[in-house]
């Protein structure tokens, strides 16, 4: 995982943790790791986080494990990642471009009668 991916993953995990009003101490305890590891991960300071640790974090934060692993550069086998985490992991796009793509695909899906995830559902 390069430093940009590490930063994006860390920001995503921090945003989701804070959205749930969960402290780093609580998350670390729930996952079974040191609080400093959570802080370093959220700051983008971990180049190769262990998949099992990311899976426990994702589960604790009620996030799709495949999405978190994809953002960290791990391949997933049976479950496809949701659209937004895929875009962030696969393409080096600014957040505004990802937002534009989400809007475009939502309109396209509606035009063809296909229903996708509700807004931000794929990042929860």
C-alpha atoms as a PDB file:
ATOM      1  CA  UNK A   1       0.000   0.000   0.000  1.00  0.00           C
ATOM      2  CA  UNK A   2       1.461   3.369  -0.944  1.00  0.00           C
ATOM      3  CA  UNK A   3       1.370   6.411   1.335  1.00  0.00           C
ATOM      4  CA  UNK A   4      -1.683   7.926  -0.425  1.00  0.00           C
ATOM      5  CA  UNK A   5      -3.656   4.709   0.073  1.00  0.00           C
ATOM      6  CA  UNK A   6      -2.555   4.592   3.709  1.00  0.00           C
ATOM      7  CA  UNK A   7      -3.722   8.184   4.202  1.00  0.00           C
ATOM      8  CA  UNK A   8      -7.109   7.516   2.557  1.00  0.00           C
ATOM      9  CA  UNK A   9      -7.654   4.325   4.536  1.00  0.00           C
ATOM     10  CA  UNK A  10      -6.689   6.036   7.788  1.00  0.00           C
ATOM     11  CA  UNK A  11      -8.965   9.002   7.133  1.00  0.00           C
ATOM     12  CA  UNK A  12     -11.849   6.670   6.247  1.00  0.00           C
ATOM     13  CA  UNK A  13     -11.439   4.607   9.418  1.00  0.00           C
ATOM     14  CA  UNK A  14     -11.077   7.729  11.586  1.00  0.00           C
ATOM     15  CA  UNK A  15     -14.169   9.324  10.006  1.00  0.00           C
ATOM     16  CA  UNK A  16     -16.222   6.182  10.601  1.00  0.00           C
ATOM     17  CA  UNK A  17     -14.955   5.777  14.170  1.00  0.00           C
ATOM     18  CA  UNK A  18     -15.743   9.406  14.978  1.00  0.00           C
ATOM     19  CA  UNK A  19     -19.128   9.167  13.247  1.00  0.00           C
ATOM     20  CA  UNK A  20     -19.977   6.450  15.742  1.00  0.00           C
ATOM     21  CA  UNK A  21     -18.610   8.549  18.634  1.00  0.00           C
ATOM     22  CA  UNK A  22     -16.134   5.781  19.417  1.00  0.00           C
ATOM     23  CA  UNK A  23     -12.815   6.613  21.066  1.00  0.00           C
ATOM     24  CA  UNK A  24      -9.510   5.212  19.844  1.00  0.00           C
ATOM     25  CA  UNK A  25      -9.119   3.563  23.235  1.00  0.00           C
ATOM     26  CA  UNK A  26     -12.485   1.808  22.925  1.00  0.00           C
ATOM     27  CA  UNK A  27     -11.792   0.662  19.347  1.00  0.00           C
ATOM     28  CA  UNK A  28      -8.334  -0.622  20.286  1.00  0.00           C
ATOM     29  CA  UNK A  29      -9.758  -2.560  23.236  1.00  0.00           C
ATOM     30  CA  UNK A  30     -12.581  -4.018  21.120  1.00  0.00           C
ATOM     31  CA  UNK A  31     -10.148  -5.082  18.387  1.00  0.00           C
ATOM     32  CA  UNK A  32      -7.517  -6.342  20.834  1.00  0.00           C
ATOM     33  CA  UNK A  33      -4.612  -4.133  19.803  1.00  0.00           C
ATOM     34  CA  UNK A  34      -2.693  -1.243  21.309  1.00  0.00           C
ATOM     35  CA  UNK A  35      -4.283   2.209  21.008  1.00  0.00           C
ATOM     36  CA  UNK A  36      -1.090   3.521  19.385  1.00  0.00           C
ATOM     37  CA  UNK A  37      -1.671   1.119  16.483  1.00  0.00           C
ATOM     38  CA  UNK A  38      -5.101   2.643  15.874  1.00  0.00           C
ATOM     39  CA  UNK A  39      -3.631   6.147  15.971  1.00  0.00           C
ATOM     40  CA  UNK A  40      -0.816   5.248  13.549  1.00  0.00           C
ATOM     41  CA  UNK A  41      -3.259   3.519  11.202  1.00  0.00           C
ATOM     42  CA  UNK A  42      -5.619   6.513  11.203  1.00  0.00           C
ATOM     43  CA  UNK A  43      -2.701   8.850  10.522  1.00  0.00           C
ATOM     44  CA  UNK A  44      -1.675   6.793   7.507  1.00  0.00           C
ATOM     45  CA  UNK A  45       1.521   5.650   9.196  1.00  0.00           C
ATOM     46  CA  UNK A  46       1.083   1.920   8.639  1.00  0.00           C
ATOM     47  CA  UNK A  47       2.239   0.768   5.212  1.00  0.00           C
ATOM     48  CA  UNK A  48       1.241  -2.873   5.611  1.00  0.00           C
ATOM     49  CA  UNK A  49      -1.551  -3.320   8.160  1.00  0.00           C
ATOM     50  CA  UNK A  50      -2.386  -6.950   8.894  1.00  0.00           C
ATOM     51  CA  UNK A  51      -5.517  -8.125   7.111  1.00  0.00           C
ATOM     52  CA  UNK A  52      -6.885  -9.777  10.256  1.00  0.00           C
ATOM     53  CA  UNK A  53      -6.507  -6.522  12.223  1.00  0.00           C
ATOM     54  CA  UNK A  54      -8.269  -4.569   9.459  1.00  0.00           C
ATOM     55  CA  UNK A  55     -11.041  -7.172   9.405  1.00  0.00           C
ATOM     56  CA  UNK A  56     -11.554  -6.842  13.170  1.00  0.00           C
ATOM     57  CA  UNK A  57     -11.593  -3.043  12.887  1.00  0.00           C
ATOM     58  CA  UNK A  58     -14.102  -3.201  10.023  1.00  0.00           C
ATOM     59  CA  UNK A  59     -16.325  -5.591  11.969  1.00  0.00           C
ATOM     60  CA  UNK A  60     -16.169  -3.436  15.096  1.00  0.00           C
ATOM     61  CA  UNK A  61     -17.044  -0.330  13.066  1.00  0.00           C
ATOM     62  CA  UNK A  62     -19.757  -2.266  11.200  1.00  0.00           C
ATOM     63  CA  UNK A  63     -18.043  -1.665   7.851  1.00  0.00           C
ATOM     64  CA  UNK A  64     -17.872  -4.140   4.966  1.00  0.00           C
ATOM     65  CA  UNK A  65     -14.634  -6.065   5.478  1.00  0.00           C
ATOM     66  CA  UNK A  66     -14.133  -6.360   1.706  1.00  0.00           C
ATOM     67  CA  UNK A  67     -14.247  -2.569   1.371  1.00  0.00           C
ATOM     68  CA  UNK A  68     -11.620  -1.992   4.048  1.00  0.00           C
ATOM     69  CA  UNK A  69      -9.342  -4.714   2.685  1.00  0.00           C
ATOM     70  CA  UNK A  70      -9.709  -3.350  -0.840  1.00  0.00           C
ATOM     71  CA  UNK A  71      -8.784   0.133   0.341  1.00  0.00           C
ATOM     72  CA  UNK A  72      -5.667  -1.385   1.936  1.00  0.00           C
ATOM     73  CA  UNK A  73      -4.734  -3.075  -1.327  1.00  0.00           C
ATOM     74  CA  UNK A  74      -5.670  -6.618  -0.329  1.00  0.00           C
ATOM     75  CA  UNK A  75      -7.417  -8.686  -2.992  1.00  0.00           C
ATOM     76  CA  UNK A  76     -10.858  -9.971  -2.149  1.00  0.00           C
ATOM     77  CA  UNK A  77     -12.102 -13.204  -3.580  1.00  0.00           C
ATOM     78  CA  UNK A  78     -15.834 -13.696  -3.246  1.00  0.00           C
ATOM     79  CA  UNK A  79     -17.263 -10.345  -2.208  1.00  0.00           C
ATOM     80  CA  UNK A  80     -16.940  -7.323  -4.441  1.00  0.00           C
ATOM     81  CA  UNK A  81     -16.187  -4.003  -2.766  1.00  0.00           C
ATOM     82  CA  UNK A  82     -18.772  -1.273  -2.880  1.00  0.00           C
ATOM     83  CA  UNK A  83     -18.453   1.408  -5.532  1.00  0.00           C
ATOM     84  CA  UNK A  84     -16.869   4.284  -3.595  1.00  0.00           C
ATOM     85  CA  UNK A  85     -14.152   2.304  -1.783  1.00  0.00           C
ATOM     86  CA  UNK A  86     -13.353   0.573  -5.084  1.00  0.00           C
ATOM     87  CA  UNK A  87     -12.885   3.901  -6.846  1.00  0.00           C
ATOM     88  CA  UNK A  88     -10.655   5.170  -4.069  1.00  0.00           C
ATOM     89  CA  UNK A  89      -8.567   2.002  -3.991  1.00  0.00           C
ATOM     90  CA  UNK A  90      -8.284   1.555  -7.751  1.00  0.00           C
ATOM     91  CA  UNK A  91      -7.949   5.124  -9.016  1.00  0.00           C
ATOM     92  CA  UNK A  92      -6.048   8.070  -7.618  1.00  0.00           C
ATOM     93  CA  UNK A  93      -8.976  10.483  -7.842  1.00  0.00           C
ATOM     94  CA  UNK A  94      -9.756  13.463  -5.634  1.00  0.00           C
ATOM     95  CA  UNK A  95     -12.854  13.178  -3.441  1.00  0.00           C
ATOM     96  CA  UNK A  96     -14.732  15.633  -5.679  1.00  0.00           C
ATOM     97  CA  UNK A  97     -14.206  13.356  -8.695  1.00  0.00           C
ATOM     98  CA  UNK A  98     -15.420  10.326  -6.733  1.00  0.00           C
ATOM     99  CA  UNK A  99     -18.506  12.323  -5.705  1.00  0.00           C
ATOM    100  CA  UNK A 100     -19.149  13.240  -9.351  1.00  0.00           C
ATOM    101  CA  UNK A 101     -18.887   9.591 -10.390  1.00  0.00           C
ATOM    102  CA  UNK A 102     -21.271   8.520  -7.630  1.00  0.00           C
ATOM    103  CA  UNK A 103     -23.794  11.118  -8.793  1.00  0.00           C
ATOM    104  CA  UNK A 104     -23.423  10.088 -12.424  1.00  0.00           C
ATOM    105  CA  UNK A 105     -23.860   6.379 -11.690  1.00  0.00           C
ATOM    106  CA  UNK A 106     -26.861   7.041  -9.461  1.00  0.00           C
ATOM    107  CA  UNK A 107     -28.541   8.924 -12.328  1.00  0.00           C
ATOM    108  CA  UNK A 108     -27.586   6.204 -14.798  1.00  0.00           C
ATOM    109  CA  UNK A 109     -28.925   3.459 -12.526  1.00  0.00           C
ATOM    110  CA  UNK A 110     -32.184   5.359 -12.013  1.00  0.00           C
ATOM    111  CA  UNK A 111     -32.551   5.872 -15.766  1.00  0.00           C
ATOM    112  CA  UNK A 112     -32.316   2.113 -16.305  1.00  0.00           C
ATOM    113  CA  UNK A 113     -34.417   1.161 -13.305  1.00  0.00           C
ATOM    114  CA  UNK A 114     -31.523  -0.361 -11.376  1.00  0.00           C
ATOM    115  CA  UNK A 115     -31.316   0.293  -7.680  1.00  0.00           C
ATOM    116  CA  UNK A 116     -27.898   0.611  -6.077  1.00  0.00           C
ATOM    117  CA  UNK A 117     -26.875   1.474  -2.546  1.00  0.00           C
ATOM    118  CA  UNK A 118     -28.483   4.473  -0.928  1.00  0.00           C
ATOM    119  CA  UNK A 119     -26.237   7.481  -0.379  1.00  0.00           C
ATOM    120  CA  UNK A 120     -23.049   6.539   1.538  1.00  0.00           C
ATOM    121  CA  UNK A 121     -24.472   3.060   2.288  1.00  0.00           C
ATOM    122  CA  UNK A 122     -21.458   1.526   0.589  1.00  0.00           C
ATOM    123  CA  UNK A 123     -19.117   3.213   3.056  1.00  0.00           C
ATOM    124  CA  UNK A 124     -20.790   2.049   6.220  1.00  0.00           C
END
